[in-house]
Amino acid sequence: MNELTHRFRPWFWLIIVALAFGAYWCVKPKQSAQEFIESTKPAAAGAQQEAQLENAWVRVWKVSFAKGESLDFKKHDGPLVVVPLSPGQFTRTHTTGERIVVDLEPGQAYWYEADPQGTRVRDSLDATHTVELMVVELQPDVIKAWAYYKQSKMED
């Protein structure tokens, strides 16, 4: 190797790494500012949220609540299916004051509609032990496609 090639070799690899990073940045799924903020918020003490699956159709995560634990207020723009893995009493409290209380049976699926516009909910569990739930949420594009489909059927 001549001296010129040897001198520019570190720059060559730095440029290759920068191009690879740039290519990754361009093709990775985009995230809105609100989604980024929500994803960086830590779960409430004792409540663990673990992503299980995310694709174009659904987002699935496992939530573990310690005894009497609750999650901070949040908004679900789409409907949810909640499948408890252990028994407990599940309470959803809306900012409007409405409360929904359900005695959870392990393995039973529970359907929750999207939260009304302008409201948020707090989920809490009353149990003498840790309660685990699987939560399945439809992706926003699936919800929009379903709404469009229903609208087109009504026009026919």
Foldseek 3Di string as FASTA:
>chain_A
DDPVCVVCVVVVVVVVVVVVVVVCVVPPDDDDPVRVVVVPDDWPPQWDWAWDDDDQWKTKIKIKHFAFDKTDWDFAQAKKKKAKQDWWWKWKAKPVGDIDIDTHDHGDIDIDGGDDPPMTIMMTTHDPGMIMMMMMTTDPVVVVVVVVVVVVVVVD
